[in-house]
Full PDB file with SEQRES, HELIX, SHEET, SSBOND, CRYST1, ORIGX, SCALE, CONECT and MASTER records, all heavy atoms in Angstrom:
SEQRES   1 A   34  LEU VAL HIS ASP PRO GLY THR GLU SER ALA VAL ARG GLY          
SEQRES   2 A   34  ALA GLY HIS GLU GLU GLY LEU ASP GLY THR ASN ALA GLU          
SEQRES   3 A   34  VAL LEU PHE TRP ALA ALA ASP TYR                              
HELIX    1 AA1 ALA A   25  ASP A   33  1                                   9    
CRYST1    1.000    1.000    1.000  90.00  90.00  90.00 P 1           1          
ORIGX1      1.000000  0.000000  0.000000        0.00000                         
ORIGX2      0.000000  1.000000  0.000000        0.00000                         
ORIGX3      0.000000  0.000000  1.000000        0.00000                         
SCALE1      1.000000  0.000000  0.000000        0.00000                         
SCALE2      0.000000  1.000000  0.000000        0.00000                         
SCALE3      0.000000  0.000000  1.000000        0.00000                         
ATOM      1  N   LEU A   1       0.807  -1.179   0.020  1.00  0.00           N  
ATOM      2  CA  LEU A   1      -0.026  -0.001   0.039  1.00  0.00           C  
ATOM      3  C   LEU A   1       0.880   1.288   0.016  1.00  0.00           C  
ATOM      4  O   LEU A   1       0.249   2.407  -0.065  1.00  0.00           O  
ATOM      5  CB  LEU A   1      -0.932   0.029   1.183  1.00  0.00           C  
ATOM      6  CG  LEU A   1      -1.901  -1.136   1.345  1.00  0.00           C  
ATOM      7  CD1 LEU A   1      -2.815  -0.981   2.490  1.00  0.00           C  
ATOM      8  CD2 LEU A   1      -2.665  -1.449   0.051  1.00  0.00           C  
ATOM      9  N   VAL A   2       2.137   1.162   0.094  1.00  0.00           N  
ATOM     10  CA  VAL A   2       3.010   2.366   0.137  1.00  0.00           C  
ATOM     11  C   VAL A   2       3.619   2.577  -1.224  1.00  0.00           C  
ATOM     12  O   VAL A   2       4.151   1.656  -1.860  1.00  0.00           O  
ATOM     13  CB  VAL A   2       4.148   2.153   1.163  1.00  0.00           C  
ATOM     14  CG1 VAL A   2       5.102   3.386   1.161  1.00  0.00           C  
ATOM     15  CG2 VAL A   2       3.518   1.943   2.531  1.00  0.00           C  
ATOM     16  N   HIS A   3       3.533   3.768  -1.673  1.00  0.00           N  
ATOM     17  CA  HIS A   3       3.906   4.158  -3.002  1.00  0.00           C  
ATOM     18  C   HIS A   3       4.944   5.354  -3.001  1.00  0.00           C  
ATOM     19  O   HIS A   3       4.940   6.232  -2.139  1.00  0.00           O  
ATOM     20  CB  HIS A   3       2.709   4.542  -3.870  1.00  0.00           C  
ATOM     21  CG  HIS A   3       1.675   3.445  -4.065  1.00  0.00           C  
ATOM     22  ND1 HIS A   3       1.674   2.563  -5.025  1.00  0.00           N  
ATOM     23  CD2 HIS A   3       0.724   3.123  -3.159  1.00  0.00           C  
ATOM     24  CE1 HIS A   3       0.691   1.733  -4.814  1.00  0.00           C  
ATOM     25  NE2 HIS A   3       0.095   2.082  -3.728  1.00  0.00           N  
ATOM     26  N   ASP A   4       5.807   5.318  -3.974  1.00  0.00           N  
ATOM     27  CA  ASP A   4       6.834   6.312  -4.088  1.00  0.00           C  
ATOM     28  C   ASP A   4       6.234   7.675  -4.635  1.00  0.00           C  
ATOM     29  O   ASP A   4       5.174   7.613  -5.229  1.00  0.00           O  
ATOM     30  CB  ASP A   4       7.948   5.941  -5.067  1.00  0.00           C  
ATOM     31  CG  ASP A   4       8.755   4.747  -4.460  1.00  0.00           C  
ATOM     32  OD1 ASP A   4       8.871   4.702  -3.191  1.00  0.00           O  
ATOM     33  OD2 ASP A   4       9.293   3.890  -5.253  1.00  0.00           O  
ATOM     34  N   PRO A   5       6.932   8.774  -4.409  1.00  0.00           N  
ATOM     35  CA  PRO A   5       6.444  10.043  -5.009  1.00  0.00           C  
ATOM     36  C   PRO A   5       6.291   9.924  -6.496  1.00  0.00           C  
ATOM     37  O   PRO A   5       7.185   9.283  -7.179  1.00  0.00           O  
ATOM     38  CB  PRO A   5       7.573  10.986  -4.560  1.00  0.00           C  
ATOM     39  CG  PRO A   5       8.187  10.376  -3.384  1.00  0.00           C  
ATOM     40  CD  PRO A   5       8.135   8.891  -3.601  1.00  0.00           C  
ATOM     41  N   GLY A   6       5.276  10.570  -6.993  1.00  0.00           N  
ATOM     42  CA  GLY A   6       5.062  10.586  -8.466  1.00  0.00           C  
ATOM     43  C   GLY A   6       4.171   9.447  -8.971  1.00  0.00           C  
ATOM     44  O   GLY A   6       3.777   9.425 -10.101  1.00  0.00           O  
ATOM     45  N   THR A   7       3.984   8.409  -8.118  1.00  0.00           N  
ATOM     46  CA  THR A   7       3.045   7.314  -8.541  1.00  0.00           C  
ATOM     47  C   THR A   7       1.642   7.890  -8.516  1.00  0.00           C  
ATOM     48  O   THR A   7       1.248   8.458  -7.522  1.00  0.00           O  
ATOM     49  CB  THR A   7       3.199   6.090  -7.579  1.00  0.00           C  
ATOM     50  OG1 THR A   7       4.541   5.736  -7.513  1.00  0.00           O  
ATOM     51  CG2 THR A   7       2.380   4.990  -8.105  1.00  0.00           C  
ATOM     52  N   GLU A   8       0.955   7.732  -9.653  1.00  0.00           N  
ATOM     53  CA  GLU A   8      -0.336   8.377  -9.770  1.00  0.00           C  
ATOM     54  C   GLU A   8      -1.485   7.526  -9.123  1.00  0.00           C  
ATOM     55  O   GLU A   8      -2.480   8.076  -8.580  1.00  0.00           O  
ATOM     56  CB  GLU A   8      -0.702   8.719 -11.201  1.00  0.00           C  
ATOM     57  CG  GLU A   8       0.257   9.712 -11.811  1.00  0.00           C  
ATOM     58  CD  GLU A   8       0.160  11.010 -11.088  1.00  0.00           C  
ATOM     59  OE1 GLU A   8      -0.956  11.382 -10.727  1.00  0.00           O  
ATOM     60  OE2 GLU A   8       1.140  11.753 -10.975  1.00  0.00           O  
ATOM     61  N   SER A   9      -1.453   6.248  -9.295  1.00  0.00           N  
ATOM     62  CA  SER A   9      -2.650   5.452  -8.924  1.00  0.00           C  
ATOM     63  C   SER A   9      -2.195   4.235  -8.086  1.00  0.00           C  
ATOM     64  O   SER A   9      -1.131   3.620  -8.357  1.00  0.00           O  
ATOM     65  CB  SER A   9      -3.430   4.982 -10.136  1.00  0.00           C  
ATOM     66  OG  SER A   9      -4.427   4.109  -9.765  1.00  0.00           O  
ATOM     67  N   ALA A  10      -3.032   3.875  -7.143  1.00  0.00           N  
ATOM     68  CA  ALA A  10      -2.763   2.703  -6.358  1.00  0.00           C  
ATOM     69  C   ALA A  10      -3.482   1.419  -6.967  1.00  0.00           C  
ATOM     70  O   ALA A  10      -3.217   0.279  -6.524  1.00  0.00           O  
ATOM     71  CB  ALA A  10      -3.256   2.850  -4.886  1.00  0.00           C  
ATOM     72  N   VAL A  11      -4.356   1.658  -7.889  1.00  0.00           N  
ATOM     73  CA  VAL A  11      -5.235   0.568  -8.324  1.00  0.00           C  
ATOM     74  C   VAL A  11      -4.501  -0.480  -9.227  1.00  0.00           C  
ATOM     75  O   VAL A  11      -3.792  -0.035 -10.160  1.00  0.00           O  
ATOM     76  CB  VAL A  11      -6.454   1.152  -9.170  1.00  0.00           C  
ATOM     77  CG1 VAL A  11      -7.349   0.036  -9.680  1.00  0.00           C  
ATOM     78  CG2 VAL A  11      -7.232   2.030  -8.213  1.00  0.00           C  
ATOM     79  N   ARG A  12      -4.664  -1.687  -8.928  1.00  0.00           N  
ATOM     80  CA  ARG A  12      -4.026  -2.751  -9.733  1.00  0.00           C  
ATOM     81  C   ARG A  12      -5.167  -3.673 -10.152  1.00  0.00           C  
ATOM     82  O   ARG A  12      -6.273  -3.539  -9.746  1.00  0.00           O  
ATOM     83  CB  ARG A  12      -2.973  -3.540  -8.838  1.00  0.00           C  
ATOM     84  CG  ARG A  12      -1.948  -2.649  -8.258  1.00  0.00           C  
ATOM     85  CD  ARG A  12      -0.979  -3.455  -7.446  1.00  0.00           C  
ATOM     86  NE  ARG A  12      -0.141  -2.595  -6.634  1.00  0.00           N  
ATOM     87  CZ  ARG A  12       0.755  -3.013  -5.813  1.00  0.00           C  
ATOM     88  NH1 ARG A  12       0.956  -4.301  -5.591  1.00  0.00           N  
ATOM     89  NH2 ARG A  12       1.537  -2.137  -5.132  1.00  0.00           N  
ATOM     90  N   GLY A  13      -4.790  -4.699 -10.939  1.00  0.00           N  
ATOM     91  CA  GLY A  13      -5.792  -5.686 -11.381  1.00  0.00           C  
ATOM     92  C   GLY A  13      -6.236  -5.617 -12.755  1.00  0.00           C  
ATOM     93  O   GLY A  13      -6.907  -6.484 -13.248  1.00  0.00           O  
ATOM     94  N   ALA A  14      -5.846  -4.562 -13.512  1.00  0.00           N  
ATOM     95  CA  ALA A  14      -6.223  -4.487 -14.883  1.00  0.00           C  
ATOM     96  C   ALA A  14      -5.604  -5.618 -15.716  1.00  0.00           C  
ATOM     97  O   ALA A  14      -4.522  -5.955 -15.486  1.00  0.00           O  
ATOM     98  CB  ALA A  14      -5.801  -3.156 -15.467  1.00  0.00           C  
ATOM     99  N   GLY A  15      -6.449  -6.234 -16.550  1.00  0.00           N  
ATOM    100  CA  GLY A  15      -5.923  -7.360 -17.321  1.00  0.00           C  
ATOM    101  C   GLY A  15      -6.007  -8.714 -16.663  1.00  0.00           C  
ATOM    102  O   GLY A  15      -5.645  -9.726 -17.154  1.00  0.00           O  
ATOM    103  N   HIS A  16      -6.666  -8.714 -15.460  1.00  0.00           N  
ATOM    104  CA  HIS A  16      -6.782  -9.972 -14.779  1.00  0.00           C  
ATOM    105  C   HIS A  16      -8.279 -10.381 -14.675  1.00  0.00           C  
ATOM    106  O   HIS A  16      -8.676 -11.116 -13.820  1.00  0.00           O  
ATOM    107  CB  HIS A  16      -6.268  -9.840 -13.331  1.00  0.00           C  
ATOM    108  CG  HIS A  16      -4.752  -9.617 -13.336  1.00  0.00           C  
ATOM    109  ND1 HIS A  16      -3.820 -10.634 -13.400  1.00  0.00           N  
ATOM    110  CD2 HIS A  16      -4.025  -8.478 -13.248  1.00  0.00           C  
ATOM    111  CE1 HIS A  16      -2.555 -10.169 -13.389  1.00  0.00           C  
ATOM    112  NE2 HIS A  16      -2.721  -8.868 -13.251  1.00  0.00           N  
ATOM    113  N   GLU A  17      -9.081  -9.900 -15.563  1.00  0.00           N  
ATOM    114  CA  GLU A  17     -10.469 -10.243 -15.529  1.00  0.00           C  
ATOM    115  C   GLU A  17     -10.830 -11.677 -15.835  1.00  0.00           C  
ATOM    116  O   GLU A  17     -11.915 -12.149 -15.630  1.00  0.00           O  
ATOM    117  CB  GLU A  17     -11.246  -9.411 -16.662  1.00  0.00           C  
ATOM    118  CG  GLU A  17     -11.257  -7.869 -16.302  1.00  0.00           C  
ATOM    119  CD  GLU A  17     -10.008  -7.154 -16.707  1.00  0.00           C  
ATOM    120  OE1 GLU A  17      -9.058  -7.836 -17.139  1.00  0.00           O  
ATOM    121  OE2 GLU A  17      -9.985  -5.897 -16.569  1.00  0.00           O  
ATOM    122  N   GLU A  18      -9.738 -12.459 -16.305  1.00  0.00           N  
ATOM    123  CA  GLU A  18      -9.994 -13.874 -16.585  1.00  0.00           C  
ATOM    124  C   GLU A  18     -10.239 -14.628 -15.304  1.00  0.00           C  
ATOM    125  O   GLU A  18     -10.691 -15.801 -15.428  1.00  0.00           O  
ATOM    126  CB  GLU A  18      -8.844 -14.454 -17.380  1.00  0.00           C  
ATOM    127  CG  GLU A  18      -7.547 -14.679 -16.542  1.00  0.00           C  
ATOM    128  CD  GLU A  18      -6.694 -13.433 -16.408  1.00  0.00           C  
ATOM    129  OE1 GLU A  18      -7.128 -12.390 -16.870  1.00  0.00           O  
ATOM    130  OE2 GLU A  18      -5.627 -13.569 -15.799  1.00  0.00           O  
ATOM    131  N   GLY A  19      -9.926 -14.171 -14.194  1.00  0.00           N  
ATOM    132  CA  GLY A  19     -10.200 -14.854 -12.974  1.00  0.00           C  
ATOM    133  C   GLY A  19      -8.890 -15.386 -12.308  1.00  0.00           C  
ATOM    134  O   GLY A  19      -7.770 -15.402 -12.949  1.00  0.00           O  
ATOM    135  N   LEU A  20      -8.971 -15.737 -11.099  1.00  0.00           N  
ATOM    136  CA  LEU A  20      -7.755 -16.229 -10.359  1.00  0.00           C  
ATOM    137  C   LEU A  20      -7.293 -17.553 -10.843  1.00  0.00           C  
ATOM    138  O   LEU A  20      -8.025 -18.536 -10.693  1.00  0.00           O  
ATOM    139  CB  LEU A  20      -8.062 -16.201  -8.879  1.00  0.00           C  
ATOM    140  CG  LEU A  20      -6.918 -16.495  -7.980  1.00  0.00           C  
ATOM    141  CD1 LEU A  20      -5.911 -15.356  -7.993  1.00  0.00           C  
ATOM    142  CD2 LEU A  20      -7.445 -16.691  -6.493  1.00  0.00           C  
ATOM    143  N   ASP A  21      -6.120 -17.675 -11.426  1.00  0.00           N  
ATOM    144  CA  ASP A  21      -5.544 -18.880 -11.848  1.00  0.00           C  
ATOM    145  C   ASP A  21      -4.291 -19.316 -11.269  1.00  0.00           C  
ATOM    146  O   ASP A  21      -3.631 -20.258 -11.718  1.00  0.00           O  
ATOM    147  CB  ASP A  21      -5.518 -18.867 -13.435  1.00  0.00           C  
ATOM    148  CG  ASP A  21      -4.511 -17.796 -13.862  1.00  0.00           C  
ATOM    149  OD1 ASP A  21      -3.914 -17.141 -12.984  1.00  0.00           O  
ATOM    150  OD2 ASP A  21      -4.405 -17.530 -15.068  1.00  0.00           O  
ATOM    151  N   GLY A  22      -3.837 -18.570 -10.199  1.00  0.00           N  
ATOM    152  CA  GLY A  22      -2.597 -18.958  -9.552  1.00  0.00           C  
ATOM    153  C   GLY A  22      -1.485 -17.986  -9.947  1.00  0.00           C  
ATOM    154  O   GLY A  22      -0.523 -17.797  -9.225  1.00  0.00           O  
ATOM    155  N   THR A  23      -1.570 -17.330 -11.129  1.00  0.00           N  
ATOM    156  CA  THR A  23      -0.540 -16.444 -11.617  1.00  0.00           C  
ATOM    157  C   THR A  23      -0.773 -15.028 -11.101  1.00  0.00           C  
ATOM    158  O   THR A  23       0.142 -14.190 -11.222  1.00  0.00           O  
ATOM    159  CB  THR A  23      -0.474 -16.489 -13.171  1.00  0.00           C  
ATOM    160  OG1 THR A  23      -1.705 -15.960 -13.658  1.00  0.00           O  
ATOM    161  CG2 THR A  23      -0.307 -17.881 -13.705  1.00  0.00           C  
ATOM    162  N   ASN A  24      -1.960 -14.706 -10.753  1.00  0.00           N  
ATOM    163  CA  ASN A  24      -2.265 -13.314 -10.361  1.00  0.00           C  
ATOM    164  C   ASN A  24      -2.704 -13.310  -8.868  1.00  0.00           C  
ATOM    165  O   ASN A  24      -3.477 -12.467  -8.440  1.00  0.00           O  
ATOM    166  CB  ASN A  24      -3.304 -12.738 -11.240  1.00  0.00           C  
ATOM    167  CG  ASN A  24      -4.574 -13.619 -11.370  1.00  0.00           C  
ATOM    168  OD1 ASN A  24      -4.666 -14.572 -10.608  1.00  0.00           O  
ATOM    169  ND2 ASN A  24      -5.442 -13.226 -12.346  1.00  0.00           N  
ATOM    170  N   ALA A  25      -2.193 -14.223  -8.041  1.00  0.00           N  
ATOM    171  CA  ALA A  25      -2.533 -14.229  -6.662  1.00  0.00           C  
ATOM    172  C   ALA A  25      -2.131 -12.913  -5.926  1.00  0.00           C  
ATOM    173  O   ALA A  25      -2.819 -12.441  -5.006  1.00  0.00           O  
ATOM    174  CB  ALA A  25      -1.862 -15.429  -5.963  1.00  0.00           C  
ATOM    175  N   GLU A  26      -1.000 -12.315  -6.358  1.00  0.00           N  
ATOM    176  CA  GLU A  26      -0.525 -11.069  -5.753  1.00  0.00           C  
ATOM    177  C   GLU A  26      -1.579  -9.970  -5.923  1.00  0.00           C  
ATOM    178  O   GLU A  26      -1.684  -9.099  -5.132  1.00  0.00           O  
ATOM    179  CB  GLU A  26       0.835 -10.662  -6.281  1.00  0.00           C  
ATOM    180  CG  GLU A  26       1.981 -11.391  -5.636  1.00  0.00           C  
ATOM    181  CD  GLU A  26       2.053 -11.173  -4.099  1.00  0.00           C  
ATOM    182  OE1 GLU A  26       1.761 -10.090  -3.651  1.00  0.00           O  
ATOM    183  OE2 GLU A  26       2.371 -12.101  -3.360  1.00  0.00           O  
ATOM    184  N   VAL A  27      -2.281 -10.011  -7.072  1.00  0.00           N  
ATOM    185  CA  VAL A  27      -3.301  -8.967  -7.255  1.00  0.00           C  
ATOM    186  C   VAL A  27      -4.381  -9.184  -6.327  1.00  0.00           C  
ATOM    187  O   VAL A  27      -4.932  -8.244  -5.725  1.00  0.00           O  
ATOM    188  CB  VAL A  27      -3.818  -9.046  -8.721  1.00  0.00           C  
ATOM    189  CG1 VAL A  27      -4.971  -8.002  -8.924  1.00  0.00           C  
ATOM    190  CG2 VAL A  27      -2.773  -8.766  -9.722  1.00  0.00           C  
ATOM    191  N   LEU A  28      -4.795 -10.459  -6.012  1.00  0.00           N  
ATOM    192  CA  LEU A  28      -5.790 -10.749  -5.008  1.00  0.00           C  
ATOM    193  C   LEU A  28      -5.339 -10.291  -3.661  1.00  0.00           C  
ATOM    194  O   LEU A  28      -6.144  -9.658  -2.899  1.00  0.00           O  
ATOM    195  CB  LEU A  28      -6.101 -12.227  -4.989  1.00  0.00           C  
ATOM    196  CG  LEU A  28      -7.101 -12.695  -3.837  1.00  0.00           C  
ATOM    197  CD1 LEU A  28      -8.438 -12.173  -4.082  1.00  0.00           C  
ATOM    198  CD2 LEU A  28      -7.137 -14.253  -3.880  1.00  0.00           C  
ATOM    199  N   PHE A  29      -4.040 -10.521  -3.228  1.00  0.00           N  
ATOM    200  CA  PHE A  29      -3.569 -10.088  -2.035  1.00  0.00           C  
ATOM    201  C   PHE A  29      -3.586  -8.624  -1.857  1.00  0.00           C  
ATOM    202  O   PHE A  29      -4.010  -8.061  -0.839  1.00  0.00           O  
ATOM    203  CB  PHE A  29      -2.147 -10.617  -1.763  1.00  0.00           C  
ATOM    204  CG  PHE A  29      -2.085 -12.172  -1.865  1.00  0.00           C  
ATOM    205  CD1 PHE A  29      -0.843 -12.732  -2.134  1.00  0.00           C  
ATOM    206  CD2 PHE A  29      -3.175 -12.926  -1.620  1.00  0.00           C  
ATOM    207  CE1 PHE A  29      -0.702 -14.132  -2.209  1.00  0.00           C  
ATOM    208  CE2 PHE A  29      -3.060 -14.334  -1.722  1.00  0.00           C  
ATOM    209  CZ  PHE A  29      -1.843 -14.903  -1.973  1.00  0.00           C  
ATOM    210  N   TRP A  30      -3.173  -7.925  -2.919  1.00  0.00           N  
ATOM    211  CA  TRP A  30      -3.269  -6.460  -2.957  1.00  0.00           C  
ATOM    212  C   TRP A  30      -4.679  -6.032  -2.716  1.00  0.00           C  
ATOM    213  O   TRP A  30      -4.938  -5.060  -1.909  1.00  0.00           O  
ATOM    214  CB  TRP A  30      -2.698  -5.829  -4.212  1.00  0.00           C  
ATOM    215  CG  TRP A  30      -3.045  -4.358  -4.335  1.00  0.00           C  
ATOM    216  CD1 TRP A  30      -2.413  -3.332  -3.739  1.00  0.00           C  
ATOM    217  CD2 TRP A  30      -4.173  -3.832  -5.022  1.00  0.00           C  
ATOM    218  NE1 TRP A  30      -3.098  -2.137  -4.023  1.00  0.00           N  
ATOM    219  CE2 TRP A  30      -4.135  -2.435  -4.824  1.00  0.00           C  
ATOM    220  CE3 TRP A  30      -5.239  -4.427  -5.807  1.00  0.00           C  
ATOM    221  CZ2 TRP A  30      -5.174  -1.564  -5.358  1.00  0.00           C  
ATOM    222  CZ3 TRP A  30      -6.189  -3.580  -6.338  1.00  0.00           C  
ATOM    223  CH2 TRP A  30      -6.135  -2.226  -6.125  1.00  0.00           C  
ATOM    224  N   ALA A  31      -5.640  -6.531  -3.442  1.00  0.00           N  
ATOM    225  CA  ALA A  31      -7.040  -6.105  -3.410  1.00  0.00           C  
ATOM    226  C   ALA A  31      -7.601  -6.351  -1.962  1.00  0.00           C  
ATOM    227  O   ALA A  31      -8.352  -5.547  -1.477  1.00  0.00           O  
ATOM    228  CB  ALA A  31      -7.882  -6.925  -4.447  1.00  0.00           C  
ATOM    229  N   ALA A  32      -7.272  -7.441  -1.319  1.00  0.00           N  
ATOM    230  CA  ALA A  32      -7.710  -7.715  -0.015  1.00  0.00           C  
ATOM    231  C   ALA A  32      -7.112  -6.693   1.017  1.00  0.00           C  
ATOM    232  O   ALA A  32      -7.765  -6.344   2.004  1.00  0.00           O  
ATOM    233  CB  ALA A  32      -7.387  -9.112   0.394  1.00  0.00           C  
ATOM    234  N   ASP A  33      -5.866  -6.323   0.752  1.00  0.00           N  
ATOM    235  CA  ASP A  33      -5.167  -5.360   1.585  1.00  0.00           C  
ATOM    236  C   ASP A  33      -5.738  -3.927   1.423  1.00  0.00           C  
ATOM    237  O   ASP A  33      -5.946  -3.191   2.375  1.00  0.00           O  
ATOM    238  CB  ASP A  33      -3.709  -5.426   1.355  1.00  0.00           C  
ATOM    239  CG  ASP A  33      -2.863  -4.994   2.543  1.00  0.00           C  
ATOM    240  OD1 ASP A  33      -3.461  -4.771   3.609  1.00  0.00           O  
ATOM    241  OD2 ASP A  33      -1.618  -4.903   2.418  1.00  0.00           O  
ATOM    242  N   TYR A  34      -5.937  -3.613   0.160  1.00  0.00           N  
ATOM    243  CA  TYR A  34      -6.321  -2.193  -0.254  1.00  0.00           C  
ATOM    244  C   TYR A  34      -7.900  -1.957   0.113  1.00  0.00           C  
ATOM    245  O   TYR A  34      -8.293  -0.856   0.406  1.00  0.00           O  
ATOM    246  CB  TYR A  34      -6.105  -1.975  -1.647  1.00  0.00           C  
ATOM    247  CG  TYR A  34      -6.466  -0.609  -2.188  1.00  0.00           C  
ATOM    248  CD1 TYR A  34      -5.602   0.464  -2.118  1.00  0.00           C  
ATOM    249  CD2 TYR A  34      -7.689  -0.449  -2.828  1.00  0.00           C  
ATOM    250  CE1 TYR A  34      -5.998   1.692  -2.648  1.00  0.00           C  
ATOM    251  CE2 TYR A  34      -8.091   0.805  -3.374  1.00  0.00           C  
ATOM    252  CZ  TYR A  34      -7.183   1.827  -3.257  1.00  0.00           C  
ATOM    253  OH  TYR A  34      -7.501   3.080  -3.737  1.00  0.00           O  
TER     254      TYR A  34                                                      
MASTER        0    0    0    1    0    0    0    6  253    1    0    3          
END                                                                             
């Protein structure tokens, strides 16, 4: 959840609409944290 100066957006997950398949688990973890 911590971002460097100049980073515009915290939102992640774009391109992962296919569903959780094991390769995008970090996106799930970020979403649960955020």
